[in-house]
Amino acid sequence: MSNLFTGDLSMQNSRLRKDLNAEQLLYVNSELERKGKKKSTAYLLWFFLGNFGAHRFYVGDAIQGILMLLTLGLFGIWTLIDAFLLYYRIEDINAQIEHEAIMTIGNK
């Protein structure tokens, strides 16, 4: 589920990034590019296959994706709500991926 403290994690990531050298920043950016989720992809999946939960599967929320699939997005209501929540879910996932990459550098 979406983390309400994504802003805190993003701020922490920004502070941690300041201490990284160019090679370490390159590593963090490559990890974010490789593992991160794209908002455009998520919204395209939401627009065309939203009632089937395709965007939920894309962001790794398989249980919610299955529930959306079985209920057709709670008859469209859940799908409509996800139009507003999807942006923040992607931000949360990408902040977590970035944080994990920064912490990996710290452990090397």
N, C-alpha and C. Protein backbone atom coordinates (compact mmCIF):
# COMPACT_ATOMS: atom_id res chain seq x y z
N MET A 1 0.84 -1.18 0.00
CA MET A 1 0.00 0.00 0.00
C MET A 1 0.88 1.24 0.00
N SER A 2 0.34 2.32 -0.44
CA SER A 2 1.09 3.55 -0.58
C SER A 2 1.52 4.09 0.79
N ASN A 3 2.74 4.60 0.82
CA ASN A 3 3.30 5.16 2.04
C ASN A 3 2.96 6.64 2.09
N LEU A 4 2.35 7.08 3.20
CA LEU A 4 1.97 8.48 3.34
C LEU A 4 3.18 9.38 3.62
N PHE A 5 4.33 8.78 3.89
CA PHE A 5 5.51 9.55 4.25
C PHE A 5 6.53 9.57 3.12
N THR A 6 6.07 9.46 1.89
CA THR A 6 6.96 9.47 0.73
C THR A 6 7.76 10.75 0.68
N GLY A 7 7.14 11.86 1.03
CA GLY A 7 7.85 13.14 1.04
C GLY A 7 9.04 13.10 1.96
N ASP A 8 8.90 12.48 3.13
CA ASP A 8 10.01 12.34 4.07
C ASP A 8 11.12 11.50 3.46
N LEU A 9 10.76 10.41 2.82
CA LEU A 9 11.77 9.55 2.20
C LEU A 9 12.46 10.27 1.05
N SER A 10 11.72 11.02 0.28
CA SER A 10 12.31 11.78 -0.83
C SER A 10 13.27 12.84 -0.30
N MET A 11 12.90 13.49 0.79
CA MET A 11 13.79 14.49 1.40
C MET A 11 15.04 13.82 1.95
N GLN A 12 14.89 12.68 2.56
CA GLN A 12 16.03 11.94 3.09
C GLN A 12 16.95 11.51 1.93
N ASN A 13 16.35 11.05 0.84
CA ASN A 13 17.14 10.66 -0.33
C ASN A 13 17.92 11.86 -0.87
N SER A 14 17.30 13.03 -0.89
CA SER A 14 17.98 14.23 -1.39
C SER A 14 19.18 14.58 -0.51
N ARG A 15 19.00 14.46 0.80
CA ARG A 15 20.13 14.74 1.71
C ARG A 15 21.25 13.73 1.51
N LEU A 16 20.88 12.46 1.37
CA LEU A 16 21.89 11.41 1.19
C LEU A 16 22.62 11.54 -0.14
N ARG A 17 21.91 11.99 -1.18
CA ARG A 17 22.52 12.14 -2.51
C ARG A 17 23.64 13.18 -2.50
N LYS A 18 23.54 14.17 -1.62
CA LYS A 18 24.54 15.24 -1.57
C LYS A 18 25.92 14.71 -1.20
N ASP A 19 25.96 13.59 -0.48
CA ASP A 19 27.24 13.03 -0.03
C ASP A 19 27.83 12.02 -1.03
N LEU A 20 27.14 11.78 -2.14
CA LEU A 20 27.61 10.78 -3.10
C LEU A 20 28.50 11.42 -4.16
N ASN A 21 29.48 10.66 -4.63
CA ASN A 21 30.31 11.14 -5.72
C ASN A 21 29.63 10.82 -7.05
N ALA A 22 30.26 11.23 -8.15
CA ALA A 22 29.66 11.08 -9.48
C ALA A 22 29.39 9.61 -9.83
N GLU A 23 30.33 8.73 -9.49
CA GLU A 23 30.15 7.32 -9.81
C GLU A 23 28.99 6.71 -9.01
N GLN A 24 28.88 7.10 -7.76
CA GLN A 24 27.79 6.60 -6.93
C GLN A 24 26.44 7.13 -7.41
N LEU A 25 26.41 8.39 -7.81
CA LEU A 25 25.17 8.96 -8.36
C LEU A 25 24.76 8.25 -9.64
N LEU A 26 25.74 7.91 -10.44
CA LEU A 26 25.46 7.17 -11.67
C LEU A 26 24.84 5.82 -11.35
N TYR A 27 25.37 5.15 -10.32
CA TYR A 27 24.82 3.86 -9.89
C TYR A 27 23.36 4.01 -9.43
N VAL A 28 23.11 5.02 -8.59
CA VAL A 28 21.75 5.24 -8.08
C VAL A 28 20.80 5.52 -9.23
N ASN A 29 21.21 6.38 -10.15
CA ASN A 29 20.35 6.71 -11.29
C ASN A 29 20.11 5.51 -12.19
N SER A 30 21.12 4.67 -12.37
CA SER A 30 20.93 3.49 -13.22
C SER A 30 19.99 2.48 -12.55
N GLU A 31 20.08 2.34 -11.23
CA GLU A 31 19.17 1.46 -10.51
C GLU A 31 17.73 1.97 -10.60
N LEU A 32 17.58 3.28 -10.47
CA LEU A 32 16.24 3.88 -10.57
C LEU A 32 15.68 3.71 -11.98
N GLU A 33 16.53 3.85 -12.97
CA GLU A 33 16.09 3.66 -14.36
C GLU A 33 15.72 2.20 -14.63
N ARG A 34 16.51 1.29 -14.05
CA ARG A 34 16.30 -0.14 -14.29
C ARG A 34 15.09 -0.69 -13.54
N LYS A 35 14.95 -0.31 -12.27
CA LYS A 35 13.90 -0.88 -11.44
C LYS A 35 12.68 0.02 -11.26
N GLY A 36 12.85 1.31 -11.54
CA GLY A 36 11.79 2.28 -11.29
C GLY A 36 10.59 2.09 -12.21
N LYS A 37 9.49 2.62 -11.77
CA LYS A 37 8.24 2.56 -12.54
C LYS A 37 8.00 3.90 -13.22
N LYS A 38 7.50 3.84 -14.43
CA LYS A 38 7.22 5.05 -15.20
C LYS A 38 5.74 5.41 -15.09
N LYS A 39 5.50 6.69 -14.82
CA LYS A 39 4.12 7.17 -14.68
C LYS A 39 3.35 7.02 -15.99
N SER A 40 4.03 7.27 -17.10
CA SER A 40 3.35 7.17 -18.39
C SER A 40 2.85 5.75 -18.65
N THR A 41 3.68 4.77 -18.34
CA THR A 41 3.28 3.37 -18.53
C THR A 41 2.11 3.02 -17.61
N ALA A 42 2.21 3.45 -16.37
CA ALA A 42 1.14 3.16 -15.40
C ALA A 42 -0.19 3.78 -15.83
N TYR A 43 -0.14 5.02 -16.30
CA TYR A 43 -1.39 5.67 -16.71
C TYR A 43 -1.95 5.11 -18.02
N LEU A 44 -1.07 4.67 -18.90
CA LEU A 44 -1.58 4.01 -20.11
C LEU A 44 -2.29 2.70 -19.74
N LEU A 45 -1.69 1.93 -18.84
CA LEU A 45 -2.33 0.70 -18.37
C LEU A 45 -3.64 1.02 -17.66
N TRP A 46 -3.64 2.08 -16.85
CA TRP A 46 -4.87 2.47 -16.14
C TRP A 46 -5.96 2.85 -17.15
N PHE A 47 -5.59 3.63 -18.16
CA PHE A 47 -6.59 4.12 -19.12
C PHE A 47 -7.21 2.99 -19.93
N PHE A 48 -6.38 2.09 -20.44
CA PHE A 48 -6.88 1.05 -21.33
C PHE A 48 -7.33 -0.22 -20.60
N LEU A 49 -6.70 -0.54 -19.48
CA LEU A 49 -7.01 -1.80 -18.79
C LEU A 49 -7.27 -1.61 -17.30
N GLY A 50 -7.65 -0.40 -16.93
CA GLY A 50 -7.84 -0.06 -15.51
C GLY A 50 -8.85 -0.92 -14.78
N ASN A 51 -9.97 -1.22 -15.40
CA ASN A 51 -10.99 -2.03 -14.73
C ASN A 51 -10.52 -3.46 -14.47
N PHE A 52 -9.47 -3.87 -15.17
CA PHE A 52 -8.91 -5.21 -14.97
C PHE A 52 -7.71 -5.19 -14.02
N GLY A 53 -7.34 -4.00 -13.51
CA GLY A 53 -6.27 -3.90 -12.54
C GLY A 53 -4.87 -4.00 -13.10
N ALA A 54 -4.69 -3.80 -14.40
CA ALA A 54 -3.37 -3.95 -15.01
C ALA A 54 -2.34 -3.00 -14.40
N HIS A 55 -2.75 -1.78 -14.08
CA HIS A 55 -1.83 -0.82 -13.48
C HIS A 55 -1.40 -1.26 -12.08
N ARG A 56 -2.27 -1.96 -11.38
CA ARG A 56 -1.92 -2.48 -10.05
C ARG A 56 -0.89 -3.60 -10.16
N PHE A 57 -1.04 -4.46 -11.14
CA PHE A 57 -0.03 -5.50 -11.37
C PHE A 57 1.31 -4.86 -11.72
N TYR A 58 1.28 -3.80 -12.53
CA TYR A 58 2.51 -3.12 -12.96
C TYR A 58 3.29 -2.56 -11.77
N VAL A 59 2.60 -2.00 -10.79
CA VAL A 59 3.30 -1.41 -9.65
C VAL A 59 3.59 -2.42 -8.55
N GLY A 60 3.21 -3.67 -8.77
CA GLY A 60 3.54 -4.73 -7.81
C GLY A 60 2.47 -5.02 -6.78
N ASP A 61 1.31 -4.46 -6.95
CA ASP A 61 0.20 -4.70 -6.01
C ASP A 61 -0.69 -5.82 -6.56
N ALA A 62 -0.16 -7.04 -6.54
CA ALA A 62 -0.85 -8.17 -7.17
C ALA A 62 -2.19 -8.49 -6.52
N ILE A 63 -2.25 -8.43 -5.19
CA ILE A 63 -3.51 -8.75 -4.49
C ILE A 63 -4.60 -7.76 -4.91
N GLN A 64 -4.26 -6.48 -4.91
CA GLN A 64 -5.23 -5.47 -5.32
C GLN A 64 -5.58 -5.62 -6.81
N GLY A 65 -4.59 -6.00 -7.60
CA GLY A 65 -4.84 -6.25 -9.02
C GLY A 65 -5.84 -7.37 -9.22
N ILE A 66 -5.68 -8.45 -8.46
CA ILE A 66 -6.61 -9.58 -8.55
C ILE A 66 -8.01 -9.16 -8.11
N LEU A 67 -8.09 -8.39 -7.02
CA LEU A 67 -9.40 -7.91 -6.56
C LEU A 67 -10.06 -7.01 -7.60
N MET A 68 -9.26 -6.16 -8.23
CA MET A 68 -9.83 -5.30 -9.29
C MET A 68 -10.29 -6.14 -10.47
N LEU A 69 -9.53 -7.16 -10.79
CA LEU A 69 -9.88 -8.04 -11.90
C LEU A 69 -11.20 -8.76 -11.62
N LEU A 70 -11.36 -9.25 -10.40
CA LEU A 70 -12.57 -9.99 -10.04
C LEU A 70 -13.82 -9.11 -9.94
N THR A 71 -13.61 -7.83 -9.57
CA THR A 71 -14.77 -6.94 -9.39
C THR A 71 -14.89 -5.90 -10.50
N LEU A 72 -14.05 -6.03 -11.53
CA LEU A 72 -13.99 -5.03 -12.60
C LEU A 72 -13.78 -3.63 -12.03
N GLY A 73 -12.77 -3.52 -11.17
CA GLY A 73 -12.44 -2.22 -10.60
C GLY A 73 -13.52 -1.70 -9.69
N LEU A 74 -14.15 -2.62 -8.97
CA LEU A 74 -15.30 -2.30 -8.11
C LEU A 74 -16.32 -1.51 -8.92
N PHE A 75 -16.61 -2.08 -10.10
CA PHE A 75 -17.57 -1.54 -11.05
C PHE A 75 -17.20 -0.14 -11.52
N GLY A 76 -15.87 0.10 -11.62
CA GLY A 76 -15.37 1.37 -12.15
C GLY A 76 -15.04 2.41 -11.10
N ILE A 77 -15.58 2.26 -9.90
CA ILE A 77 -15.35 3.26 -8.85
C ILE A 77 -13.88 3.24 -8.41
N TRP A 78 -13.36 2.05 -8.13
CA TRP A 78 -11.97 1.90 -7.69
C TRP A 78 -11.03 2.39 -8.79
N THR A 79 -11.38 2.10 -10.02
CA THR A 79 -10.55 2.52 -11.15
C THR A 79 -10.47 4.04 -11.21
N LEU A 80 -11.59 4.69 -11.01
CA LEU A 80 -11.61 6.16 -11.04
C LEU A 80 -10.78 6.74 -9.90
N ILE A 81 -10.89 6.19 -8.72
CA ILE A 81 -10.10 6.65 -7.57
C ILE A 81 -8.61 6.46 -7.84
N ASP A 82 -8.27 5.36 -8.47
CA ASP A 82 -6.86 5.09 -8.78
C ASP A 82 -6.26 6.12 -9.72
N ALA A 83 -7.07 6.80 -10.49
CA ALA A 83 -6.55 7.85 -11.37
C ALA A 83 -5.83 8.91 -10.56
N PHE A 84 -6.31 9.16 -9.35
CA PHE A 84 -5.71 10.17 -8.49
C PHE A 84 -4.60 9.60 -7.60
N LEU A 85 -4.71 8.34 -7.21
CA LEU A 85 -3.74 7.73 -6.31
C LEU A 85 -2.52 7.17 -7.01
N LEU A 86 -2.63 6.88 -8.27
CA LEU A 86 -1.56 6.21 -9.01
C LEU A 86 -0.27 7.04 -9.04
N TYR A 87 -0.39 8.33 -9.22
CA TYR A 87 0.77 9.22 -9.25
C TYR A 87 1.59 9.06 -7.97
N TYR A 88 0.92 9.10 -6.82
CA TYR A 88 1.60 9.02 -5.53
C TYR A 88 2.17 7.63 -5.27
N ARG A 89 1.50 6.60 -5.78
CA ARG A 89 2.01 5.24 -5.63
C ARG A 89 3.33 5.08 -6.39
N ILE A 90 3.39 5.63 -7.59
CA ILE A 90 4.61 5.56 -8.39
C ILE A 90 5.73 6.35 -7.70
N GLU A 91 5.42 7.53 -7.20
CA GLU A 91 6.41 8.33 -6.47
C GLU A 91 6.96 7.55 -5.28
N ASP A 92 6.08 6.87 -4.56
CA ASP A 92 6.46 6.08 -3.39
C ASP A 92 7.39 4.94 -3.78
N ILE A 93 7.03 4.21 -4.80
CA ILE A 93 7.84 3.07 -5.26
C ILE A 93 9.22 3.55 -5.70
N ASN A 94 9.27 4.62 -6.47
CA ASN A 94 10.54 5.12 -6.97
C ASN A 94 11.41 5.67 -5.84
N ALA A 95 10.81 6.31 -4.84
CA ALA A 95 11.56 6.79 -3.68
C ALA A 95 12.15 5.61 -2.90
N GLN A 96 11.39 4.54 -2.77
CA GLN A 96 11.90 3.35 -2.07
C GLN A 96 13.05 2.71 -2.84
N ILE A 97 12.93 2.63 -4.15
CA ILE A 97 14.00 2.06 -4.98
C ILE A 97 15.26 2.91 -4.87
N GLU A 98 15.09 4.22 -4.94
CA GLU A 98 16.23 5.13 -4.82
C GLU A 98 16.90 4.98 -3.45
N HIS A 99 16.10 4.89 -2.40
CA HIS A 99 16.64 4.74 -1.05
C HIS A 99 17.41 3.44 -0.90
N GLU A 100 16.87 2.37 -1.44
CA GLU A 100 17.58 1.07 -1.37
C GLU A 100 18.91 1.14 -2.11
N ALA A 101 18.95 1.83 -3.24
CA ALA A 101 20.19 1.94 -3.99
C ALA A 101 21.22 2.76 -3.21
N ILE A 102 20.77 3.84 -2.59
CA ILE A 102 21.68 4.67 -1.78
C ILE A 102 22.20 3.87 -0.58
N MET A 103 21.34 3.11 0.05
CA MET A 103 21.75 2.31 1.20
C MET A 103 22.72 1.19 0.78
N THR A 104 22.55 0.67 -0.42
CA THR A 104 23.46 -0.35 -0.93
C THR A 104 24.87 0.22 -1.05
N ILE A 105 24.97 1.45 -1.50
CA ILE A 105 26.27 2.11 -1.62
C ILE A 105 26.90 2.26 -0.25
N GLY A 106 26.10 2.63 0.73
CA GLY A 106 26.61 2.79 2.09
C GLY A 106 27.12 1.51 2.70
N ASN A 107 26.61 0.37 2.24
CA ASN A 107 27.01 -0.92 2.78
C ASN A 107 28.22 -1.53 2.09
N LYS A 108 28.67 -0.89 1.00
CA LYS A 108 29.81 -1.44 0.25
C LYS A 108 31.12 -1.10 0.91
